């Protein structure tokens, strides 16, 4: 096996959960297989117009010398993250950048699923509180309101029918009409169940697990106290993935996390999708398989 060199652009180690972080999980396995790995903070990167350098381990590196560069910075997808994608995009002409910076920009994690409207819950993208209330009235359903650029369920809330103070909640969520949000029809699930994370490498399914929200919470994010367990990968979910993969690959999005609820597509995670540790605990070998795909 050829020994390869991999660069990871990610957040500072002190901000990560060392036990559960997916990037570190892959890093450890790549090193175990004999590959070389280097970690770069976004702030350590610079470009002189011809080369992109990064500082790590007390020295300066030309990122084009690596076999692949992984962008694994967590959201929020703010101005700094946007600038990072522009900085790294020219590098993709010299070496593989995963996920492709242009693809990360094009595929907003909350909105990408709207390209597949038949597989997504009815949705509305707007900054106007009154439009969301009219949308909810037409649906005759609870809706879920999400900010476009956060992670881990931050800022996501459930708007019940006839909820008191709904207009004020929506004005706060949209910052008085200055912030665009997405409102989606709420998909109910049986008690004790949740949504599913499907982790992909290109067209290969690394695994699927179910995330169960803690009592009193509808968001199933593990960072919010949710739990996880093994589950069945249904025919509907398999078909949905088959439809998604060509569009993901066209955008250069090779490592992705698909979130579904009762077979409906909720989100497509492209910045730093997580789930390797959970899959390893449930089924084993997910990280080992990914490391072999990456190192092939």
Protein backbone atom coordinates (compact mmCIF):
# COMPACT_ATOMS: atom_id res chain seq x y z
CA UNK A 1 0.00 0.00 0.00
CA UNK A 2 1.32 3.41 -0.98
CA UNK A 3 1.78 5.73 1.98
CA UNK A 4 -0.07 8.99 1.39
CA UNK A 5 -0.08 12.46 2.91
CA UNK A 6 -3.34 14.01 4.08
CA UNK A 7 -4.08 17.51 5.34
CA UNK A 8 -7.09 18.33 7.53
CA UNK A 9 -8.33 21.91 7.81
CA UNK A 10 -10.34 21.96 11.02
CA UNK A 11 -11.17 23.73 14.25
CA UNK A 12 -8.71 23.87 17.18
CA UNK A 13 -8.38 20.58 19.07
CA UNK A 14 -9.40 22.20 22.34
CA UNK A 15 -12.84 22.97 20.86
CA UNK A 16 -13.48 19.36 19.80
CA UNK A 17 -14.95 16.41 21.67
CA UNK A 18 -11.90 14.15 21.47
CA UNK A 19 -13.97 11.00 22.00
CA UNK A 20 -16.74 11.68 19.48
CA UNK A 21 -15.13 13.82 16.81
CA UNK A 22 -15.39 12.13 13.41
CA UNK A 23 -12.37 13.91 11.90
CA UNK A 24 -10.09 12.71 14.69
CA UNK A 25 -11.52 9.23 14.33
CA UNK A 26 -10.46 9.10 10.67
CA UNK A 27 -7.10 10.73 11.43
CA UNK A 28 -6.24 8.05 13.97
CA UNK A 29 -7.12 5.27 11.52
CA UNK A 30 -5.14 6.82 8.67
CA UNK A 31 -2.09 7.08 10.93
CA UNK A 32 -2.56 3.47 12.05
CA UNK A 33 -2.43 2.45 8.41
CA UNK A 34 0.88 4.27 8.00
CA UNK A 35 -0.30 7.42 6.22
CA UNK A 36 0.96 10.88 7.15
CA UNK A 37 -1.54 13.42 8.51
CA UNK A 38 -1.25 17.13 9.29
CA UNK A 39 -3.78 19.45 10.96
CA UNK A 40 -4.18 23.07 9.90
CA UNK A 41 -6.25 25.80 11.46
CA UNK A 42 -8.07 27.98 8.92
CA UNK A 43 -6.26 31.01 10.34
CA UNK A 44 -2.89 29.39 9.49
CA UNK A 45 -3.61 29.35 5.75
CA UNK A 46 -2.40 31.95 3.28
CA UNK A 47 -2.14 32.35 -0.48
CA UNK A 48 0.31 34.40 -2.54
CA UNK A 49 -1.70 33.88 -5.71
CA UNK A 50 0.24 30.84 -6.90
CA UNK A 51 0.59 28.66 -3.81
CA UNK A 52 -1.49 28.03 -0.71
CA UNK A 53 0.54 27.52 2.44
CA UNK A 54 -0.41 26.42 5.90
CA UNK A 55 1.52 26.36 9.16
CA UNK A 56 1.54 23.22 11.29
CA UNK A 57 4.07 21.63 13.60
CA UNK A 58 6.29 24.70 13.55
CA UNK A 59 6.82 24.75 9.80
CA UNK A 60 5.16 26.00 6.62
CA UNK A 61 3.64 23.52 4.16
CA UNK A 62 2.55 23.81 0.54
CA UNK A 63 -0.92 22.23 0.58
CA UNK A 64 -0.55 21.15 -3.06
CA UNK A 65 2.06 18.63 -1.87
CA UNK A 66 -0.60 16.61 -0.03
CA UNK A 67 -2.48 13.77 -1.73
CA UNK A 68 -5.75 15.18 -0.41
CA UNK A 69 -6.89 18.11 1.71
CA UNK A 70 -9.99 17.62 3.85
CA UNK A 71 -12.11 20.62 4.80
CA UNK A 72 -13.52 19.66 8.19
CA UNK A 73 -14.32 22.98 9.80
CA UNK A 74 -17.63 22.99 11.65
CA UNK A 75 -20.34 25.56 10.93
CA UNK A 76 -21.57 28.23 11.38
CA UNK A 77 -21.12 28.92 7.69
CA UNK A 78 -20.26 32.57 8.18
CA UNK A 79 -18.11 35.08 6.35
CA UNK A 80 -14.91 33.41 7.57
CA UNK A 81 -16.07 30.03 6.30
CA UNK A 82 -17.07 31.54 2.96
CA UNK A 83 -13.63 33.13 2.65
CA UNK A 84 -12.03 29.76 3.44
CA UNK A 85 -13.82 28.15 0.48
CA UNK A 86 -12.59 30.89 -1.86
CA UNK A 87 -9.06 30.55 -0.51
CA UNK A 88 -8.97 26.78 -1.04
CA UNK A 89 -10.85 26.56 -4.34
CA UNK A 90 -7.75 27.10 -6.57
CA UNK A 91 -6.04 24.28 -4.68
CA UNK A 92 -8.57 21.82 -6.13
CA UNK A 93 -6.83 22.22 -9.51
CA UNK A 94 -3.61 20.84 -8.02
CA UNK A 95 -4.75 18.19 -5.55
CA UNK A 96 -7.96 16.68 -4.28
CA UNK A 97 -9.95 18.85 -1.87
CA UNK A 98 -12.73 17.08 0.04
CA UNK A 99 -15.35 18.34 0.02
CA UNK A 100 -14.85 20.64 -2.95
CA UNK A 101 -14.95 24.27 -1.78
CA UNK A 102 -17.35 25.27 -4.55
CA UNK A 103 -19.61 22.36 -3.68
CA UNK A 104 -19.70 23.42 -0.03
CA UNK A 105 -20.78 26.90 -1.11
CA UNK A 106 -23.42 25.59 -3.50
CA UNK A 107 -24.93 23.04 -1.16
CA UNK A 108 -26.43 24.87 1.79
CA UNK A 109 -27.10 22.07 4.26
CA UNK A 110 -30.66 23.17 5.00
CA UNK A 111 -31.61 23.96 1.38
CA UNK A 112 -29.87 21.34 -0.75
CA UNK A 113 -32.75 18.91 -0.26
CA UNK A 114 -35.11 21.32 -2.00
CA UNK A 115 -33.52 20.23 -5.26
CA UNK A 116 -35.39 16.98 -4.57
CA UNK A 117 -38.76 18.45 -3.72
CA UNK A 118 -40.60 15.14 -4.07
CA UNK A 119 -38.43 13.62 -1.34
CA UNK A 120 -38.47 16.61 1.03
CA UNK A 121 -41.23 17.85 3.35
CA UNK A 122 -43.19 20.87 2.07
CA UNK A 123 -40.88 23.84 2.70
CA UNK A 124 -40.78 27.61 2.51
CA UNK A 125 -37.68 29.80 2.37
CA UNK A 126 -38.35 33.37 3.46
CA UNK A 127 -37.48 36.19 5.84
CA UNK A 128 -41.10 37.23 6.39
CA UNK A 129 -42.93 36.04 9.50
CA UNK A 130 -46.37 36.49 7.93
CA UNK A 131 -45.46 34.22 5.02
CA UNK A 132 -44.48 31.45 7.42
CA UNK A 133 -47.78 31.82 9.28
CA UNK A 134 -49.72 31.67 5.99
CA UNK A 135 -47.68 28.64 4.94
CA UNK A 136 -48.49 26.92 8.23
CA UNK A 137 -52.18 27.74 7.87
CA UNK A 138 -52.26 26.13 4.42
CA UNK A 139 -50.50 23.02 5.72
CA UNK A 140 -52.67 22.80 8.83
CA UNK A 141 -49.64 21.37 10.54
CA UNK A 142 -46.86 22.18 12.95
CA UNK A 143 -43.76 23.50 11.22
CA UNK A 144 -40.05 23.46 12.04
CA UNK A 145 -38.12 26.70 11.54
CA UNK A 146 -34.38 26.50 10.87
CA UNK A 147 -31.59 29.06 10.44
CA UNK A 148 -29.59 28.37 7.28
CA UNK A 149 -26.02 28.44 8.54
CA UNK A 150 -25.87 26.82 11.99
CA UNK A 151 -25.21 23.25 13.16
CA UNK A 152 -26.29 20.78 15.82
CA UNK A 153 -29.89 21.99 15.95
CA UNK A 154 -28.89 25.47 17.10
CA UNK A 155 -31.72 27.95 16.52
CA UNK A 156 -34.12 25.26 15.30
CA UNK A 157 -37.59 25.38 16.84
CA UNK A 158 -41.01 23.86 16.42
CA UNK A 159 -43.92 26.20 15.76
CA UNK A 160 -47.20 24.68 16.88
CA UNK A 161 -50.53 25.56 15.31
CA UNK A 162 -52.10 28.55 17.02
CA UNK A 163 -49.04 29.06 19.22
CA UNK A 164 -49.22 32.21 21.29
CA UNK A 165 -46.57 34.74 20.38
CA UNK A 166 -45.84 33.00 17.05
CA UNK A 167 -45.31 36.30 15.22
CA UNK A 168 -42.81 37.46 17.81
CA UNK A 169 -40.93 34.14 17.69
CA UNK A 170 -40.67 34.38 13.93
CA UNK A 171 -39.58 38.01 14.01
CA UNK A 172 -36.81 37.01 16.40
CA UNK A 173 -35.78 34.07 14.18
CA UNK A 174 -35.63 36.31 11.11
CA UNK A 175 -34.10 39.25 12.99
CA UNK A 176 -37.03 41.41 12.07
CA UNK A 177 -37.09 40.28 8.46
CA UNK A 178 -33.33 40.57 7.87
CA UNK A 179 -32.49 36.85 8.10
CA UNK A 180 -33.72 34.18 5.70
CA UNK A 181 -34.88 30.93 7.31
CA UNK A 182 -36.47 27.71 6.08
CA UNK A 183 -39.80 26.51 7.44
CA UNK A 184 -40.67 22.84 6.91
CA UNK A 185 -43.73 20.79 7.63
CA UNK A 186 -43.13 18.88 10.86
CA UNK A 187 -42.97 15.13 10.27
CA UNK A 188 -44.29 13.27 13.35
CA UNK A 189 -42.71 9.99 14.41
CA UNK A 190 -43.88 7.23 16.77
CA UNK A 191 -42.86 7.69 20.42
CA UNK A 192 -39.35 6.49 21.14
CA UNK A 193 -38.15 6.98 17.56
CA UNK A 194 -36.38 9.82 15.75
CA UNK A 195 -34.57 10.52 12.52
CA UNK A 196 -31.71 8.74 10.76
CA UNK A 197 -28.19 9.71 9.72
CA UNK A 198 -26.90 8.06 6.55
CA UNK A 199 -23.15 8.55 6.16
CA UNK A 200 -21.79 8.37 2.60
CA UNK A 201 -18.41 8.23 0.92
CA UNK A 202 -19.10 8.99 -2.73
CA UNK A 203 -21.73 6.40 -3.71
CA UNK A 204 -20.87 4.00 -0.87
CA UNK A 205 -23.01 3.89 2.27
CA UNK A 206 -20.73 3.74 5.30
CA UNK A 207 -23.69 3.06 7.57
CA UNK A 208 -27.02 4.22 8.95
CA UNK A 209 -28.10 4.86 12.53
CA UNK A 210 -31.18 6.26 14.22
CA UNK A 211 -30.98 9.29 16.52
CA UNK A 212 -33.53 9.45 19.35
CA UNK A 213 -34.30 12.81 21.00
CA UNK A 214 -34.20 13.08 24.77
CA UNK A 215 -37.57 13.36 26.55
CA UNK A 216 -39.30 16.68 25.95
CA UNK A 217 -37.19 17.50 22.90
CA UNK A 218 -38.04 17.01 19.21
CA UNK A 219 -34.49 17.67 17.96
CA UNK A 220 -32.51 14.45 17.90
CA UNK A 221 -29.01 15.93 17.71
CA UNK A 222 -26.61 14.01 19.90
CA UNK A 223 -25.12 17.32 21.06
CA UNK A 224 -28.54 18.12 22.55
CA UNK A 225 -28.76 14.92 24.57
CA UNK A 226 -30.07 12.57 21.91
CA UNK A 227 -29.11 8.90 21.82
CA UNK A 228 -28.43 6.56 18.92
CA UNK A 229 -29.13 2.97 17.96
CA UNK A 230 -28.96 0.61 15.00
CA UNK A 231 -31.79 0.66 12.49
CA UNK A 232 -32.99 -0.68 9.15
CA UNK A 233 -32.00 1.06 5.92
CA UNK A 234 -35.35 1.09 4.10
CA UNK A 235 -36.10 0.82 0.39
CA UNK A 236 -37.38 4.39 0.33
CA UNK A 237 -34.17 5.65 1.93
CA UNK A 238 -32.03 3.65 -0.49
CA UNK A 239 -33.91 5.12 -3.43
CA UNK A 240 -33.49 8.61 -2.02
CA UNK A 241 -29.72 8.10 -1.69
CA UNK A 242 -29.52 6.79 -5.26
CA UNK A 243 -31.20 9.98 -6.47
CA UNK A 244 -28.95 12.21 -4.36
CA UNK A 245 -25.57 10.68 -5.18
CA UNK A 246 -25.19 11.91 -8.80
CA UNK A 247 -25.95 15.48 -7.74
CA UNK A 248 -23.55 15.25 -4.80
CA UNK A 249 -20.73 13.88 -6.94
CA UNK A 250 -21.32 16.55 -9.58
CA UNK A 251 -20.67 19.16 -6.87
CA UNK A 252 -17.54 17.35 -5.63
CA UNK A 253 -19.27 16.41 -2.37
CA UNK A 254 -17.72 13.03 -1.55
CA UNK A 255 -18.13 12.79 2.23
CA UNK A 256 -21.70 13.60 3.22
CA UNK A 257 -24.28 12.93 5.91
CA UNK A 258 -27.92 12.56 4.88
CA UNK A 259 -30.61 13.18 7.52
CA UNK A 260 -34.03 11.60 6.95
CA UNK A 261 -37.21 11.36 9.00
CA UNK A 262 -39.86 8.80 8.13
CA UNK A 263 -38.24 8.55 4.71
CA UNK A 264 -38.32 12.33 4.11
CA UNK A 265 -35.09 14.18 3.36
CA UNK A 266 -34.38 16.83 6.02
CA UNK A 267 -30.79 17.95 5.52
CA UNK A 268 -27.61 17.14 3.59
CA UNK A 269 -24.50 17.69 5.70
CA UNK A 270 -21.45 18.65 3.64
CA UNK A 271 -19.18 20.77 5.86
CA UNK A 272 -18.08 18.24 8.49
CA UNK A 273 -20.59 15.37 8.61
CA UNK A 274 -20.29 13.24 11.73
CA UNK A 275 -21.20 9.67 12.62
CA UNK A 276 -18.11 7.47 12.33
CA UNK A 277 -17.76 6.85 16.06
CA UNK A 278 -21.45 5.96 16.34
CA UNK A 279 -21.25 3.56 13.39
CA UNK A 280 -18.12 1.92 14.78
CA UNK A 281 -19.83 1.35 18.12
CA UNK A 282 -22.97 -0.07 16.52
CA UNK A 283 -21.56 -2.13 13.66
CA UNK A 284 -17.77 -1.83 13.64
CA UNK A 285 -15.41 -1.18 10.70
CA UNK A 286 -16.98 2.04 9.34
CA UNK A 287 -13.85 4.09 10.00
CA UNK A 288 -11.59 1.31 8.73
CA UNK A 289 -13.61 1.12 5.50
CA UNK A 290 -13.51 4.88 4.99
CA UNK A 291 -9.76 5.01 5.62
CA UNK A 292 -9.23 2.31 2.98
CA UNK A 293 -11.40 4.20 0.47
CA UNK A 294 -9.50 7.42 1.18
CA UNK A 295 -6.10 5.75 0.99
CA UNK A 296 -6.80 3.73 -2.17
